[in-house]
Amino acid sequence: MTQPTNPNQQTQTQAAGETLAILPPGSTSRDVLDALSRMIDREGLRIGDRLPPEVDIARRLGIGRAKVREALTSWQSMGIVVRNKKAGTRLAAEVAANAIHLPVTMKLEAESLLRTHAVRRPLEVEAVRLAARNRSPQDAAIITTRVSELMQVYGSNTDWRPADDLFHRAIYEACGNPLFGQLIQQIQQGFKEVYEAPLGKPHLGHETIPLHPPLAQAIAEGNEAEATRLMDEILSIVEAEIRQVLETKND
């Protein structure tokens, strides 16, 4: 009979899940991942080890199986686990919980945000380039108005994000291809769900606002090179903020 490659693997598989505890009512899939991360750390599971079946996780956590499936699907999309109907769910990457400094899910969300940002960058840069090339006088006037409205609320106690959203929507409308706006806004919605909750940074991008007036001017003047340079600088600042949050949480 073939022996397990990891001599502890059979014991770990049998014991996996013993440290899971009932979650409070209203717990989210993110709470499920937090609980699984702690379980993996406490029980010493490694790459290749099997997680408990979904039904067992749901029973031990006191939640519905659908919530467990949603959480594991999230991990699967990030390459943390692999799932197979016959073999079950196995770890595909190391997960080390740090309950004091950084919940694993927060770290994974931040890293996921960086990957999403890498997809967003070329779309945003191309959108401003096309806006500078294709803008009409009316488009330029709207962009100028939107950036003025943005700067009026910037630095005040007023939430500047709605004004920022309107400014960028004006750029997408000016670029001449509605798909840019649709794709970027879908990505941006995912951004908001991450940086407002697990990262605790509702004002991510605040430091980029002073670059918006020159960006608006470059687009209005049809200066493609300057518009793309400024947009790239804005996105670099946002990326640096995300990395700073991740490093701070790891300190």
Protein backbone atom coordinates (compact mmCIF):
# COMPACT_ATOMS: atom_id res chain seq x y z
CA MET A 1 0.00 0.00 0.00
CA THR A 2 1.40 3.40 -0.98
CA GLN A 3 2.32 5.54 2.04
CA PRO A 4 1.56 9.29 2.18
CA THR A 5 4.44 11.51 1.04
CA ASN A 6 4.01 13.58 4.21
CA PRO A 7 4.12 11.23 7.24
CA ASN A 8 1.87 13.60 9.16
CA GLN A 9 -0.58 14.11 6.30
CA GLN A 10 -3.03 11.37 7.29
CA THR A 11 -3.18 12.57 10.89
CA GLN A 12 -3.57 16.16 9.76
CA THR A 13 -6.35 15.25 7.36
CA GLN A 14 -8.24 13.32 10.02
CA ALA A 15 -7.83 16.09 12.60
CA ALA A 16 -8.36 19.04 10.26
CA GLY A 17 -11.16 21.25 11.42
CA GLU A 18 -11.07 20.38 15.11
CA THR A 19 -10.12 23.95 16.04
CA LEU A 20 -13.01 25.54 14.14
CA ALA A 21 -15.58 27.26 16.34
CA ILE A 22 -19.10 28.57 15.82
CA LEU A 23 -19.18 31.98 14.09
CA PRO A 24 -21.54 34.74 15.25
CA PRO A 25 -24.77 35.39 13.31
CA GLY A 26 -24.33 37.51 10.19
CA SER A 27 -20.78 36.31 9.52
CA THR A 28 -19.52 36.83 5.97
CA SER A 29 -17.43 34.68 3.64
CA ARG A 30 -14.48 36.82 4.73
CA ASP A 31 -15.12 35.69 8.32
CA VAL A 32 -15.11 32.11 7.07
CA LEU A 33 -11.70 32.64 5.47
CA ASP A 34 -10.40 34.19 8.69
CA ALA A 35 -11.56 31.11 10.60
CA LEU A 36 -10.03 28.74 8.05
CA SER A 37 -6.76 30.69 8.11
CA ARG A 38 -6.54 30.33 11.87
CA MET A 39 -7.39 26.64 11.61
CA ILE A 40 -4.66 26.06 9.02
CA ASP A 41 -2.12 27.86 11.18
CA ARG A 42 -3.07 26.14 14.45
CA GLU A 43 -3.28 22.66 12.96
CA GLY A 44 -0.06 23.01 10.97
CA LEU A 45 -1.55 22.21 7.58
CA ARG A 46 0.83 22.50 4.64
CA ILE A 47 0.66 22.50 0.85
CA GLY A 48 -1.03 19.31 -0.30
CA ASP A 49 -2.95 18.77 2.93
CA ARG A 50 -6.69 18.31 2.68
CA LEU A 51 -9.16 20.71 4.25
CA PRO A 52 -12.32 19.34 5.88
CA PRO A 53 -15.31 18.77 3.57
CA GLU A 54 -17.57 21.77 3.02
CA VAL A 55 -20.37 20.15 5.01
CA ASP A 56 -18.07 19.64 8.02
CA ILE A 57 -16.77 23.22 7.88
CA ALA A 58 -20.33 24.53 7.70
CA ARG A 59 -21.40 22.38 10.66
CA ARG A 60 -18.44 23.37 12.84
CA LEU A 61 -18.83 27.08 12.01
CA GLY A 62 -22.60 26.99 12.38
CA ILE A 63 -23.24 28.54 8.96
CA GLY A 64 -24.76 27.53 5.64
CA ARG A 65 -22.79 25.42 3.20
CA ALA A 66 -23.27 28.06 0.49
CA LYS A 67 -21.24 30.55 2.53
CA VAL A 68 -18.42 28.03 2.87
CA ARG A 69 -18.49 27.32 -0.85
CA GLU A 70 -18.35 31.05 -1.60
CA ALA A 71 -15.31 31.47 0.64
CA LEU A 72 -13.44 28.51 -0.82
CA THR A 73 -14.23 29.66 -4.36
CA SER A 74 -12.56 32.96 -3.48
CA TRP A 75 -9.44 31.12 -2.33
CA GLN A 76 -9.52 28.91 -5.41
CA SER A 77 -9.55 31.97 -7.68
CA MET A 78 -6.41 33.22 -5.92
CA GLY A 79 -4.62 29.88 -6.17
CA ILE A 80 -4.74 29.24 -2.42
CA VAL A 81 -6.58 25.91 -2.76
CA VAL A 82 -7.36 23.38 -5.47
CA ARG A 83 -10.70 21.60 -5.46
CA ASN A 84 -11.64 18.23 -6.87
CA LYS A 85 -14.85 16.28 -6.44
CA LYS A 86 -12.95 13.08 -5.62
CA ALA A 87 -9.88 14.45 -3.82
CA GLY A 88 -11.65 17.25 -1.99
CA THR A 89 -10.10 20.64 -1.24
CA ARG A 90 -6.34 20.79 -0.77
CA LEU A 91 -3.96 23.63 0.05
CA ALA A 92 -1.99 24.88 -2.96
CA ALA A 93 -0.18 27.72 -1.18
CA GLU A 94 1.18 28.37 2.30
CA VAL A 95 -1.21 30.18 4.63
CA ALA A 96 0.24 31.48 7.89
CA ALA A 97 -2.21 33.39 10.06
CA ASN A 98 -1.00 36.34 12.15
CA ALA A 99 -3.88 37.16 14.44
CA ILE A 100 -2.03 40.07 16.06
CA HIS A 101 -0.87 41.99 13.03
CA LEU A 102 -2.55 40.86 9.84
CA PRO A 103 -5.42 38.45 9.19
CA VAL A 104 -4.52 36.27 6.24
CA THR A 105 -7.61 37.34 4.34
CA MET A 106 -6.56 40.99 4.57
CA LYS A 107 -3.16 40.14 3.13
CA LEU A 108 -4.75 38.14 0.34
CA GLU A 109 -7.22 40.93 -0.40
CA ALA A 110 -4.40 43.48 -0.62
CA GLU A 111 -2.40 41.25 -2.93
CA SER A 112 -5.51 40.64 -5.02
CA LEU A 113 -6.04 44.40 -5.15
CA LEU A 114 -2.53 44.87 -6.53
CA ARG A 115 -3.17 42.29 -9.24
CA THR A 116 -6.44 43.96 -10.14
CA HIS A 117 -4.68 47.32 -10.21
CA ALA A 118 -2.23 45.93 -12.77
CA VAL A 119 -5.19 45.14 -15.03
CA ARG A 120 -6.78 48.52 -14.41
CA ARG A 121 -3.65 50.56 -15.25
CA PRO A 122 -3.50 50.05 -19.04
CA LEU A 123 -7.26 50.62 -19.33
CA GLU A 124 -7.12 53.92 -17.44
CA VAL A 125 -4.06 55.15 -19.34
CA GLU A 126 -5.57 54.29 -22.71
CA ALA A 127 -8.88 55.91 -21.73
CA VAL A 128 -7.25 59.28 -21.02
CA ARG A 129 -5.18 59.04 -24.20
CA LEU A 130 -8.31 58.48 -26.28
CA ALA A 131 -10.15 61.21 -24.37
CA ALA A 132 -7.38 63.68 -25.21
CA ARG A 133 -7.56 62.63 -28.86
CA ASN A 134 -11.35 62.39 -29.30
CA ARG A 135 -12.78 64.96 -26.88
CA SER A 136 -15.26 67.45 -28.26
CA PRO A 137 -15.50 71.05 -26.99
CA GLN A 138 -18.52 69.94 -24.96
CA ASP A 139 -16.56 67.01 -23.48
CA ALA A 140 -13.71 69.35 -22.53
CA ALA A 141 -16.14 71.74 -20.85
CA ILE A 142 -17.76 68.94 -18.83
CA ILE A 143 -14.37 67.59 -17.72
CA THR A 144 -13.29 71.08 -16.67
CA THR A 145 -16.52 71.54 -14.70
CA ARG A 146 -16.18 68.15 -13.02
CA VAL A 147 -12.62 68.78 -11.89
CA SER A 148 -13.63 72.18 -10.49
CA GLU A 149 -16.38 70.48 -8.48
CA LEU A 150 -13.89 67.89 -7.27
CA MET A 151 -11.42 70.49 -6.06
CA GLN A 152 -14.17 72.33 -4.18
CA VAL A 153 -14.78 69.33 -1.92
CA TYR A 154 -11.16 68.17 -1.77
CA GLY A 155 -9.60 68.81 1.61
CA SER A 156 -12.94 69.48 3.29
CA ASN A 157 -15.00 67.23 5.51
CA THR A 158 -17.16 66.44 2.49
CA ASP A 159 -16.73 63.03 0.88
CA TRP A 160 -14.79 63.77 -2.33
CA ARG A 161 -15.26 60.33 -3.89
CA PRO A 162 -18.62 60.98 -5.63
CA ALA A 163 -17.12 64.07 -7.31
CA ASP A 164 -14.04 62.06 -8.29
CA ASP A 165 -16.26 59.38 -9.78
CA LEU A 166 -18.14 61.95 -11.88
CA PHE A 167 -14.85 63.41 -13.10
CA HIS A 168 -13.57 60.04 -14.30
CA ARG A 169 -16.93 59.18 -15.86
CA ALA A 170 -16.65 62.36 -17.91
CA ILE A 171 -13.25 61.18 -19.16
CA TYR A 172 -14.61 57.74 -20.11
CA GLU A 173 -17.49 59.36 -22.01
CA ALA A 174 -15.04 61.58 -23.88
CA CYS A 175 -12.79 58.72 -24.99
CA GLY A 176 -15.33 57.55 -27.56
CA ASN A 177 -15.51 53.91 -26.49
CA PRO A 178 -18.13 53.11 -23.82
CA LEU A 179 -16.49 49.75 -23.04
CA PHE A 180 -13.63 51.50 -21.26
CA GLY A 181 -15.98 53.08 -18.77
CA GLN A 182 -17.93 49.87 -18.22
CA LEU A 183 -14.82 47.77 -17.63
CA ILE A 184 -13.04 50.27 -15.40
CA GLN A 185 -16.14 50.93 -13.29
CA GLN A 186 -16.61 47.20 -12.71
CA ILE A 187 -12.99 46.97 -11.55
CA GLN A 188 -13.43 50.08 -9.41
CA GLN A 189 -16.44 48.55 -7.66
CA GLY A 190 -14.30 45.60 -6.69
CA PHE A 191 -11.67 48.03 -5.44
CA LYS A 192 -14.19 49.75 -3.16
CA GLU A 193 -15.36 46.49 -1.63
CA VAL A 194 -11.77 45.67 -0.66
CA TYR A 195 -10.19 48.93 0.44
CA GLU A 196 -13.24 50.18 2.36
CA ALA A 197 -13.63 47.04 4.46
CA PRO A 198 -10.67 44.68 5.00
CA LEU A 199 -8.00 47.29 4.26
CA GLY A 200 -9.75 50.04 6.19
CA LYS A 201 -8.70 52.71 3.67
CA PRO A 202 -11.92 54.42 2.50
CA HIS A 203 -9.95 57.39 1.17
CA LEU A 204 -7.47 55.45 -0.94
CA GLY A 205 -6.27 57.78 -3.70
CA HIS A 206 -6.75 61.01 -1.73
CA GLU A 207 -3.13 62.03 -2.41
CA THR A 208 -3.71 61.88 -6.18
CA ILE A 209 -6.38 64.60 -6.28
CA PRO A 210 -3.94 67.53 -6.85
CA LEU A 211 -2.93 65.84 -10.12
CA HIS A 212 -6.50 65.88 -11.43
CA PRO A 213 -6.62 69.56 -12.56
CA PRO A 214 -3.51 69.24 -14.76
CA LEU A 215 -4.92 65.95 -16.08
CA ALA A 216 -8.16 67.69 -17.01
CA GLN A 217 -6.21 70.48 -18.68
CA ALA A 218 -4.07 68.05 -20.70
CA ILE A 219 -7.18 66.26 -21.96
CA ALA A 220 -8.95 69.52 -22.79
CA GLU A 221 -5.89 70.69 -24.74
CA GLY A 222 -5.56 67.40 -26.60
CA ASN A 223 -2.13 66.67 -25.11
CA GLU A 224 -2.10 62.87 -25.21
CA ALA A 225 1.45 62.46 -23.91
CA GLU A 226 0.89 64.66 -20.86
CA ALA A 227 -2.50 63.12 -20.12
CA THR A 228 -1.11 59.58 -20.15
CA ARG A 229 1.92 60.62 -18.09
CA LEU A 230 -0.29 62.15 -15.41
CA MET A 231 -2.68 59.20 -15.36
CA ASP A 232 0.24 56.82 -14.97
CA GLU A 233 1.58 58.93 -12.09
CA ILE A 234 -1.83 58.88 -10.40
CA LEU A 235 -2.02 55.10 -10.67
CA SER A 236 1.54 54.73 -9.34
CA ILE A 237 0.58 56.73 -6.25
CA VAL A 238 -2.45 54.50 -5.65
CA GLU A 239 -0.29 51.40 -6.03
CA ALA A 240 2.23 52.80 -3.55
CA GLU A 241 -0.60 53.44 -1.07
CA ILE A 242 -1.78 49.84 -1.35
CA ARG A 243 1.74 48.53 -0.80
CA GLN A 244 2.21 50.86 2.16
CA VAL A 245 -0.97 49.57 3.79
CA LEU A 246 0.22 45.99 3.32
CA GLU A 247 3.69 46.75 4.74
CA THR A 248 2.22 48.65 7.69
CA LYS A 249 -0.07 45.76 8.57
CA ASN A 250 2.93 43.41 8.43
CA ASP A 251 5.06 45.51 10.82
